[in-house]
Amino acid sequence: MLKPLDPLLHSELRLAVVSILIGVEDADFVYLRERTGATAGNLSVQIDKLSKAGYIEVVKGFAGRKPRTLCRITELGRAAFSSYVSALKEYIEVE
């Protein structure tokens, strides 16, 4: 029996955000928006969903006078991503 795919990560944009955050210490909102090509509104909603699930940590602050939102993946997020990738591999290897 195949493992179920995490519905939170099965969204293209949320998966993209987590995939980016896996490879960096943290990333600001502008960087994530540029890398994903998402609109600011859509990205904001998806970041909020990931944050509420505990997959990412969001830190709001300022860089000089400009507001800055930093995101970083949590251990729960790393584990969820690892499980998601493992489940996908099972789907691929099914004969």
PDB file of N, CA and C in Angstrom:
ATOM      1  N   MET A   1       0.839  -1.181   0.000  1.00  0.00           N
ATOM      2  CA  MET A   1       0.000   0.000   0.000  1.00  0.00           C
ATOM      3  C   MET A   1       0.882   1.243   0.000  1.00  0.00           C
ATOM      4  N   LEU A   2       0.529   2.188  -0.838  1.00  0.00           N
ATOM      5  CA  LEU A   2       1.311   3.419  -0.949  1.00  0.00           C
ATOM      6  C   LEU A   2       1.021   4.365   0.214  1.00  0.00           C
ATOM      7  N   LYS A   3       2.068   5.072   0.647  1.00  0.00           N
ATOM      8  CA  LYS A   3       1.902   6.073   1.697  1.00  0.00           C
ATOM      9  C   LYS A   3       1.080   7.238   1.143  1.00  0.00           C
ATOM     10  N   PRO A   4       0.221   7.817   1.953  1.00  0.00           N
ATOM     11  CA  PRO A   4      -0.504   9.004   1.485  1.00  0.00           C
ATOM     12  C   PRO A   4       0.454  10.198   1.388  1.00  0.00           C
ATOM     13  N   LEU A   5       0.196  11.072   0.441  1.00  0.00           N
ATOM     14  CA  LEU A   5       1.005  12.279   0.291  1.00  0.00           C
ATOM     15  C   LEU A   5       0.455  13.362   1.208  1.00  0.00           C
ATOM     16  N   ASP A   6       1.333  14.065   1.865  1.00  0.00           N
ATOM     17  CA  ASP A   6       0.950  15.151   2.766  1.00  0.00           C
ATOM     18  C   ASP A   6       0.219  16.219   1.958  1.00  0.00           C
ATOM     19  N   PRO A   7      -1.072  16.443   2.215  1.00  0.00           N
ATOM     20  CA  PRO A   7      -1.832  17.410   1.428  1.00  0.00           C
ATOM     21  C   PRO A   7      -1.299  18.837   1.560  1.00  0.00           C
ATOM     22  N   LEU A   8      -0.675  19.135   2.675  1.00  0.00           N
ATOM     23  CA  LEU A   8      -0.119  20.478   2.848  1.00  0.00           C
ATOM     24  C   LEU A   8       1.052  20.706   1.895  1.00  0.00           C
ATOM     25  N   LEU A   9       1.862  19.677   1.685  1.00  0.00           N
ATOM     26  CA  LEU A   9       3.010  19.808   0.781  1.00  0.00           C
ATOM     27  C   LEU A   9       2.658  19.485  -0.663  1.00  0.00           C
ATOM     28  N   HIS A  10       1.498  18.928  -0.890  1.00  0.00           N
ATOM     29  CA  HIS A  10       1.116  18.545  -2.248  1.00  0.00           C
ATOM     30  C   HIS A  10       0.727  19.753  -3.099  1.00  0.00           C
ATOM     31  N   SER A  11       0.569  20.898  -2.474  1.00  0.00           N
ATOM     32  CA  SER A  11       0.330  22.147  -3.199  1.00  0.00           C
ATOM     33  C   SER A  11       1.640  22.588  -3.855  1.00  0.00           C
ATOM     34  N   GLU A  12       1.574  22.942  -5.119  1.00  0.00           N
ATOM     35  CA  GLU A  12       2.789  23.302  -5.860  1.00  0.00           C
ATOM     36  C   GLU A  12       3.568  24.437  -5.197  1.00  0.00           C
ATOM     37  N   LEU A  13       2.889  25.495  -4.792  1.00  0.00           N
ATOM     38  CA  LEU A  13       3.588  26.644  -4.219  1.00  0.00           C
ATOM     39  C   LEU A  13       4.154  26.325  -2.839  1.00  0.00           C
ATOM     40  N   ARG A  14       3.385  25.641  -2.000  1.00  0.00           N
ATOM     41  CA  ARG A  14       3.912  25.293  -0.674  1.00  0.00           C
ATOM     42  C   ARG A  14       5.098  24.348  -0.788  1.00  0.00           C
ATOM     43  N   LEU A  15       5.021  23.406  -1.723  1.00  0.00           N
ATOM     44  CA  LEU A  15       6.148  22.499  -1.946  1.00  0.00           C
ATOM     45  C   LEU A  15       7.367  23.276  -2.427  1.00  0.00           C
ATOM     46  N   ALA A  16       7.163  24.251  -3.287  1.00  0.00           N
ATOM     47  CA  ALA A  16       8.274  25.079  -3.777  1.00  0.00           C
ATOM     48  C   ALA A  16       8.922  25.850  -2.633  1.00  0.00           C
ATOM     49  N   VAL A  17       8.121  26.431  -1.767  1.00  0.00           N
ATOM     50  CA  VAL A  17       8.656  27.200  -0.637  1.00  0.00           C
ATOM     51  C   VAL A  17       9.487  26.292   0.273  1.00  0.00           C
ATOM     52  N   VAL A  18       8.945  25.145   0.625  1.00  0.00           N
ATOM     53  CA  VAL A  18       9.669  24.225   1.509  1.00  0.00           C
ATOM     54  C   VAL A  18      10.931  23.710   0.823  1.00  0.00           C
ATOM     55  N   SER A  19      10.851  23.426  -0.468  1.00  0.00           N
ATOM     56  CA  SER A  19      12.025  22.956  -1.217  1.00  0.00           C
ATOM     57  C   SER A  19      13.140  23.996  -1.205  1.00  0.00           C
ATOM     58  N   ILE A  20      12.777  25.254  -1.339  1.00  0.00           N
ATOM     59  CA  ILE A  20      13.774  26.331  -1.295  1.00  0.00           C
ATOM     60  C   ILE A  20      14.378  26.418   0.106  1.00  0.00           C
ATOM     61  N   LEU A  21      13.519  26.385   1.116  1.00  0.00           N
ATOM     62  CA  LEU A  21      13.987  26.558   2.492  1.00  0.00           C
ATOM     63  C   LEU A  21      14.841  25.397   2.984  1.00  0.00           C
ATOM     64  N   ILE A  22      14.670  24.217   2.403  1.00  0.00           N
ATOM     65  CA  ILE A  22      15.504  23.061   2.770  1.00  0.00           C
ATOM     66  C   ILE A  22      16.977  23.357   2.506  1.00  0.00           C
ATOM     67  N   GLY A  23      17.252  24.116   1.459  1.00  0.00           N
ATOM     68  CA  GLY A  23      18.634  24.339   1.045  1.00  0.00           C
ATOM     69  C   GLY A  23      19.292  25.601   1.570  1.00  0.00           C
ATOM     70  N   VAL A  24      18.580  26.394   2.368  1.00  0.00           N
ATOM     71  CA  VAL A  24      19.148  27.649   2.873  1.00  0.00           C
ATOM     72  C   VAL A  24      18.873  27.766   4.369  1.00  0.00           C
ATOM     73  N   GLU A  25      19.644  28.621   5.037  1.00  0.00           N
ATOM     74  CA  GLU A  25      19.410  28.837   6.468  1.00  0.00           C
ATOM     75  C   GLU A  25      18.083  29.554   6.683  1.00  0.00           C
ATOM     76  N   ASP A  26      17.855  30.595   5.890  1.00  0.00           N
ATOM     77  CA  ASP A  26      16.583  31.301   5.894  1.00  0.00           C
ATOM     78  C   ASP A  26      16.457  32.055   4.577  1.00  0.00           C
ATOM     79  N   ALA A  27      15.253  32.536   4.302  1.00  0.00           N
ATOM     80  CA  ALA A  27      15.014  33.280   3.060  1.00  0.00           C
ATOM     81  C   ALA A  27      13.970  34.337   3.351  1.00  0.00           C
ATOM     82  N   ASP A  28      14.176  35.522   2.759  1.00  0.00           N
ATOM     83  CA  ASP A  28      13.173  36.550   2.974  1.00  0.00           C
ATOM     84  C   ASP A  28      12.052  36.432   1.943  1.00  0.00           C
ATOM     85  N   PHE A  29      10.971  37.126   2.237  1.00  0.00           N
ATOM     86  CA  PHE A  29       9.765  37.043   1.433  1.00  0.00           C
ATOM     87  C   PHE A  29      10.033  37.404  -0.029  1.00  0.00           C
ATOM     88  N   VAL A  30      10.805  38.450  -0.244  1.00  0.00           N
ATOM     89  CA  VAL A  30      11.087  38.908  -1.616  1.00  0.00           C
ATOM     90  C   VAL A  30      11.822  37.815  -2.398  1.00  0.00           C
ATOM     91  N   TYR A  31      12.793  37.186  -1.771  1.00  0.00           N
ATOM     92  CA  TYR A  31      13.546  36.100  -2.412  1.00  0.00           C
ATOM     93  C   TYR A  31      12.604  34.954  -2.777  1.00  0.00           C
ATOM     94  N   LEU A  32      11.746  34.562  -1.844  1.00  0.00           N
ATOM     95  CA  LEU A  32      10.800  33.476  -2.121  1.00  0.00           C
ATOM     96  C   LEU A  32       9.837  33.852  -3.243  1.00  0.00           C
ATOM     97  N   ARG A  33       9.376  35.088  -3.250  1.00  0.00           N
ATOM     98  CA  ARG A  33       8.461  35.539  -4.310  1.00  0.00           C
ATOM     99  C   ARG A  33       9.154  35.498  -5.670  1.00  0.00           C
ATOM    100  N   GLU A  34      10.384  35.954  -5.721  1.00  0.00           N
ATOM    101  CA  GLU A  34      11.136  35.948  -6.982  1.00  0.00           C
ATOM    102  C   GLU A  34      11.412  34.524  -7.450  1.00  0.00           C
ATOM    103  N   ARG A  35      11.807  33.650  -6.544  1.00  0.00           N
ATOM    104  CA  ARG A  35      12.141  32.258  -6.914  1.00  0.00           C
ATOM    105  C   ARG A  35      10.919  31.457  -7.350  1.00  0.00           C
ATOM    106  N   THR A  36       9.778  31.712  -6.711  1.00  0.00           N
ATOM    107  CA  THR A  36       8.578  30.940  -7.034  1.00  0.00           C
ATOM    108  C   THR A  36       7.743  31.562  -8.146  1.00  0.00           C
ATOM    109  N   GLY A  37       7.894  32.850  -8.361  1.00  0.00           N
ATOM    110  CA  GLY A  37       7.075  33.540  -9.356  1.00  0.00           C
ATOM    111  C   GLY A  37       5.651  33.771  -8.889  1.00  0.00           C
ATOM    112  N   ALA A  38       5.407  33.591  -7.607  1.00  0.00           N
ATOM    113  CA  ALA A  38       4.064  33.748  -7.046  1.00  0.00           C
ATOM    114  C   ALA A  38       3.743  35.217  -6.816  1.00  0.00           C
ATOM    115  N   THR A  39       2.459  35.513  -6.756  1.00  0.00           N
ATOM    116  CA  THR A  39       2.059  36.859  -6.370  1.00  0.00           C
ATOM    117  C   THR A  39       2.293  37.008  -4.873  1.00  0.00           C
ATOM    118  N   ALA A  40       2.448  38.237  -4.427  1.00  0.00           N
ATOM    119  CA  ALA A  40       2.689  38.493  -3.004  1.00  0.00           C
ATOM    120  C   ALA A  40       1.532  37.976  -2.160  1.00  0.00           C
ATOM    121  N   GLY A  41       0.318  38.187  -2.608  1.00  0.00           N
ATOM    122  CA  GLY A  41      -0.851  37.749  -1.853  1.00  0.00           C
ATOM    123  C   GLY A  41      -0.923  36.244  -1.710  1.00  0.00           C
ATOM    124  N   ASN A  42      -0.729  35.530  -2.813  1.00  0.00           N
ATOM    125  CA  ASN A  42      -0.789  34.069  -2.778  1.00  0.00           C
ATOM    126  C   ASN A  42       0.347  33.506  -1.922  1.00  0.00           C
ATOM    127  N   LEU A  43       1.544  34.045  -2.093  1.00  0.00           N
ATOM    128  CA  LEU A  43       2.680  33.565  -1.304  1.00  0.00           C
ATOM    129  C   LEU A  43       2.436  33.795   0.183  1.00  0.00           C
ATOM    130  N   SER A  44       1.904  34.942   0.524  1.00  0.00           N
ATOM    131  CA  SER A  44       1.617  35.261   1.914  1.00  0.00           C
ATOM    132  C   SER A  44       0.657  34.246   2.529  1.00  0.00           C
ATOM    133  N   VAL A  45      -0.392  33.892   1.798  1.00  0.00           N
ATOM    134  CA  VAL A  45      -1.375  32.914   2.279  1.00  0.00           C
ATOM    135  C   VAL A  45      -0.722  31.549   2.482  1.00  0.00           C
ATOM    136  N   GLN A  46       0.117  31.127   1.530  1.00  0.00           N
ATOM    137  CA  GLN A  46       0.748  29.805   1.619  1.00  0.00           C
ATOM    138  C   GLN A  46       1.788  29.757   2.738  1.00  0.00           C
ATOM    139  N   ILE A  47       2.522  30.836   2.928  1.00  0.00           N
ATOM    140  CA  ILE A  47       3.486  30.912   4.033  1.00  0.00           C
ATOM    141  C   ILE A  47       2.740  30.815   5.365  1.00  0.00           C
ATOM    142  N   ASP A  48       1.599  31.480   5.457  1.00  0.00           N
ATOM    143  CA  ASP A  48       0.799  31.430   6.680  1.00  0.00           C
ATOM    144  C   ASP A  48       0.345  29.995   6.974  1.00  0.00           C
ATOM    145  N   LYS A  49      -0.078  29.268   5.944  1.00  0.00           N
ATOM    146  CA  LYS A  49      -0.508  27.876   6.131  1.00  0.00           C
ATOM    147  C   LYS A  49       0.652  27.002   6.615  1.00  0.00           C
ATOM    148  N   LEU A  50       1.821  27.179   6.013  1.00  0.00           N
ATOM    149  CA  LEU A  50       2.996  26.403   6.430  1.00  0.00           C
ATOM    150  C   LEU A  50       3.407  26.749   7.862  1.00  0.00           C
ATOM    151  N   SER A  51       3.297  28.017   8.205  1.00  0.00           N
ATOM    152  CA  SER A  51       3.653  28.467   9.546  1.00  0.00           C
ATOM    153  C   SER A  51       2.683  27.904  10.579  1.00  0.00           C
ATOM    154  N   LYS A  52       1.392  27.946  10.298  1.00  0.00           N
ATOM    155  CA  LYS A  52       0.396  27.413  11.230  1.00  0.00           C
ATOM    156  C   LYS A  52       0.560  25.914  11.440  1.00  0.00           C
ATOM    157  N   ALA A  53       1.039  25.215  10.418  1.00  0.00           N
ATOM    158  CA  ALA A  53       1.281  23.775  10.536  1.00  0.00           C
ATOM    159  C   ALA A  53       2.575  23.468  11.277  1.00  0.00           C
ATOM    160  N   GLY A  54       3.391  24.496  11.502  1.00  0.00           N
ATOM    161  CA  GLY A  54       4.662  24.298  12.198  1.00  0.00           C
ATOM    162  C   GLY A  54       5.790  23.868  11.283  1.00  0.00           C
ATOM    163  N   TYR A  55       5.569  23.931   9.960  1.00  0.00           N
ATOM    164  CA  TYR A  55       6.596  23.508   9.005  1.00  0.00           C
ATOM    165  C   TYR A  55       7.664  24.574   8.804  1.00  0.00           C
ATOM    166  N   ILE A  56       7.287  25.837   8.966  1.00  0.00           N
ATOM    167  CA  ILE A  56       8.262  26.915   8.844  1.00  0.00           C
ATOM    168  C   ILE A  56       8.073  27.896  10.004  1.00  0.00           C
ATOM    169  N   GLU A  57       9.127  28.646  10.261  1.00  0.00           N
ATOM    170  CA  GLU A  57       9.090  29.710  11.255  1.00  0.00           C
ATOM    171  C   GLU A  57       9.167  31.028  10.490  1.00  0.00           C
ATOM    172  N   VAL A  58       8.341  31.979  10.862  1.00  0.00           N
ATOM    173  CA  VAL A  58       8.317  33.280  10.210  1.00  0.00           C
ATOM    174  C   VAL A  58       8.704  34.334  11.236  1.00  0.00           C
ATOM    175  N   VAL A  59       9.706  35.142  10.880  1.00  0.00           N
ATOM    176  CA  VAL A  59      10.180  36.204  11.754  1.00  0.00           C
ATOM    177  C   VAL A  59      10.028  37.524  11.009  1.00  0.00           C
ATOM    178  N   LYS A  60       9.234  38.414  11.580  1.00  0.00           N
ATOM    179  CA  LYS A  60       9.024  39.721  10.959  1.00  0.00           C
ATOM    180  C   LYS A  60       9.884  40.742  11.678  1.00  0.00           C
ATOM    181  N   GLY A  61      10.490  41.614  10.891  1.00  0.00           N
ATOM    182  CA  GLY A  61      11.346  42.646  11.457  1.00  0.00           C
ATOM    183  C   GLY A  61      11.564  43.744  10.436  1.00  0.00           C
ATOM    184  N   PHE A  62      12.656  44.448  10.582  1.00  0.00           N
ATOM    185  CA  PHE A  62      12.974  45.539   9.676  1.00  0.00           C
ATOM    186  C   PHE A  62      14.420  45.433   9.220  1.00  0.00           C
ATOM    187  N   ALA A  63      14.654  45.823   7.986  1.00  0.00           N
ATOM    188  CA  ALA A  63      16.002  45.996   7.445  1.00  0.00           C
ATOM    189  C   ALA A  63      16.105  47.494   7.179  1.00  0.00           C
ATOM    190  N   GLY A  64      16.710  48.192   8.110  1.00  0.00           N
ATOM    191  CA  GLY A  64      16.657  49.651   8.046  1.00  0.00           C
ATOM    192  C   GLY A  64      15.233  50.080   8.369  1.00  0.00           C
ATOM    193  N   ARG A  65      14.610  50.787   7.445  1.00  0.00           N
ATOM    194  CA  ARG A  65      13.226  51.221   7.650  1.00  0.00           C
ATOM    195  C   ARG A  65      12.220  50.345   6.916  1.00  0.00           C
ATOM    196  N   LYS A  66      12.728  49.395   6.152  1.00  0.00           N
ATOM    197  CA  LYS A  66      11.839  48.544   5.364  1.00  0.00           C
ATOM    198  C   LYS A  66      11.444  47.294   6.151  1.00  0.00           C
ATOM    199  N   PRO A  67      10.159  46.947   6.102  1.00  0.00           N
ATOM    200  CA  PRO A  67       9.750  45.704   6.756  1.00  0.00           C
ATOM    201  C   PRO A  67      10.376  44.499   6.050  1.00  0.00           C
ATOM    202  N   ARG A  68      10.701  43.486   6.834  1.00  0.00           N
ATOM    203  CA  ARG A  68      11.334  42.288   6.271  1.00  0.00           C
ATOM    204  C   ARG A  68      10.749  41.053   6.950  1.00  0.00           C
ATOM    205  N   THR A  69      10.367  40.096   6.132  1.00  0.00           N
ATOM    206  CA  THR A  69       9.836  38.831   6.633  1.00  0.00           C
ATOM    207  C   THR A  69      10.815  37.731   6.272  1.00  0.00           C
ATOM    208  N   LEU A  70      11.339  37.067   7.296  1.00  0.00           N
ATOM    209  CA  LEU A  70      12.269  35.954   7.087  1.00  0.00           C
ATOM    210  C   LEU A  70      11.560  34.638   7.391  1.00  0.00           C
ATOM    211  N   CYS A  71      11.826  33.648   6.565  1.00  0.00           N
ATOM    212  CA  CYS A  71      11.254  32.315   6.766  1.00  0.00           C
ATOM    213  C   CYS A  71      12.382  31.312   6.890  1.00  0.00           C
ATOM    214  N   ARG A  72      12.192  30.351   7.782  1.00  0.00           N
ATOM    215  CA  ARG A  72      13.156  29.247   7.894  1.00  0.00           C
ATOM    216  C   ARG A  72      12.377  27.974   8.191  1.00  0.00           C
ATOM    217  N   ILE A  73      12.898  26.887   7.717  1.00  0.00           N
ATOM    218  CA  ILE A  73      12.228  25.604   7.912  1.00  0.00           C
ATOM    219  C   ILE A  73      12.477  25.107   9.331  1.00  0.00           C
ATOM    220  N   THR A  74      11.500  24.433   9.905  1.00  0.00           N
ATOM    221  CA  THR A  74      11.631  23.855  11.242  1.00  0.00           C
ATOM    222  C   THR A  74      11.997  22.376  11.115  1.00  0.00           C
ATOM    223  N   GLU A  75      12.314  21.763  12.239  1.00  0.00           N
ATOM    224  CA  GLU A  75      12.595  20.323  12.227  1.00  0.00           C
ATOM    225  C   GLU A  75      11.360  19.539  11.778  1.00  0.00           C
ATOM    226  N   LEU A  76      10.180  19.980  12.202  1.00  0.00           N
ATOM    227  CA  LEU A  76       8.936  19.345  11.759  1.00  0.00           C
ATOM    228  C   LEU A  76       8.796  19.460  10.246  1.00  0.00           C
ATOM    229  N   GLY A  77       9.134  20.622   9.711  1.00  0.00           N
ATOM    230  CA  GLY A  77       9.075  20.831   8.266  1.00  0.00           C
ATOM    231  C   GLY A  77      10.058  19.947   7.520  1.00  0.00           C
ATOM    232  N   ARG A  78      11.257  19.806   8.071  1.00  0.00           N
ATOM    233  CA  ARG A  78      12.262  18.918   7.454  1.00  0.00           C
ATOM    234  C   ARG A  78      11.770  17.474   7.433  1.00  0.00           C
ATOM    235  N   ALA A  79      11.190  17.047   8.547  1.00  0.00           N
ATOM    236  CA  ALA A  79      10.683  15.668   8.640  1.00  0.00           C
ATOM    237  C   ALA A  79       9.525  15.461   7.662  1.00  0.00           C
ATOM    238  N   ALA A  80       8.628  16.442   7.577  1.00  0.00           N
ATOM    239  CA  ALA A  80       7.486  16.340   6.662  1.00  0.00           C
ATOM    240  C   ALA A  80       7.965  16.286   5.212  1.00  0.00           C
ATOM    241  N   PHE A  81       8.954  17.103   4.876  1.00  0.00           N
ATOM    242  CA  PHE A  81       9.488  17.108   3.520  1.00  0.00           C
ATOM    243  C   PHE A  81      10.154  15.773   3.193  1.00  0.00           C
ATOM    244  N   SER A  82      10.923  15.252   4.138  1.00  0.00           N
ATOM    245  CA  SER A  82      11.593  13.974   3.945  1.00  0.00           C
ATOM    246  C   SER A  82      10.570  12.853   3.727  1.00  0.00           C
ATOM    247  N   SER A  83       9.515  12.837   4.518  1.00  0.00           N
ATOM    248  CA  SER A  83       8.454  11.834   4.363  1.00  0.00           C
ATOM    249  C   SER A  83       7.750  11.977   3.023  1.00  0.00           C
ATOM    250  N   TYR A  84       7.533  13.223   2.607  1.00  0.00           N
ATOM    251  CA  TYR A  84       6.863  13.487   1.333  1.00  0.00           C
ATOM    252  C   TYR A  84       7.707  12.951   0.174  1.00  0.00           C
ATOM    253  N   VAL A  85       9.000  13.242   0.201  1.00  0.00           N
ATOM    254  CA  VAL A  85       9.904  12.771  -0.847  1.00  0.00           C
ATOM    255  C   VAL A  85       9.970  11.248  -0.842  1.00  0.00           C
ATOM    256  N   SER A  86      10.023  10.654   0.331  1.00  0.00           N
ATOM    257  CA  SER A  86      10.051   9.198   0.450  1.00  0.00           C
ATOM    258  C   SER A  86       8.780   8.585  -0.144  1.00  0.00           C
ATOM    259  N   ALA A  87       7.635   9.171   0.156  1.00  0.00           N
ATOM    260  CA  ALA A  87       6.364   8.676  -0.392  1.00  0.00           C
ATOM    261  C   ALA A  87       6.346   8.803  -1.914  1.00  0.00           C
ATOM    262  N   LEU A  88       6.848   9.920  -2.432  1.00  0.00           N
ATOM    263  CA  LEU A  88       6.900  10.098  -3.893  1.00  0.00           C
ATOM    264  C   LEU A  88       7.775   9.037  -4.542  1.00  0.00           C
ATOM    265  N   LYS A  89       8.882   8.710  -3.906  1.00  0.00           N
ATOM    266  CA  LYS A  89       9.768   7.676  -4.440  1.00  0.00           C
ATOM    267  C   LYS A  89       9.038   6.344  -4.520  1.00  0.00           C
ATOM    268  N   GLU A  90       8.211   6.049  -3.521  1.00  0.00           N
ATOM    269  CA  GLU A  90       7.428   4.816  -3.554  1.00  0.00           C
ATOM    270  C   GLU A  90       6.473   4.825  -4.737  1.00  0.00           C
ATOM    271  N   TYR A  91       5.831   5.948  -5.009  1.00  0.00           N
ATOM    272  CA  TYR A  91       4.913   6.052  -6.129  1.00  0.00           C
ATOM    273  C   TYR A  91       5.652   5.804  -7.442  1.00  0.00           C
ATOM    274  N   ILE A  92       6.860   6.336  -7.556  1.00  0.00           N
ATOM    275  CA  ILE A  92       7.647   6.212  -8.782  1.00  0.00           C
ATOM    276  C   ILE A  92       8.096   4.772  -8.994  1.00  0.00           C
ATOM    277  N   GLU A  93       8.415   4.087  -7.908  1.00  0.00           N
ATOM    278  CA  GLU A  93       8.968   2.737  -8.002  1.00  0.00           C
ATOM    279  C   GLU A  93       7.909   1.647  -8.129  1.00  0.00           C
ATOM    280  N   VAL A  94       6.632   2.002  -8.053  1.00  0.00           N
ATOM    281  CA  VAL A  94       5.561   1.011  -8.190  1.00  0.00           C
ATOM    282  C   VAL A  94       5.559   0.471  -9.609  1.00  0.00           C
ATOM    283  N   GLU A  95       5.499  -0.831  -9.723  1.00  0.00           N
ATOM    284  CA  GLU A  95       5.506  -1.440 -11.055  1.00  0.00           C
ATOM    285  C   GLU A  95       4.129  -1.918 -11.426  1.00  0.00           C
TER     286      GLU A  95
END
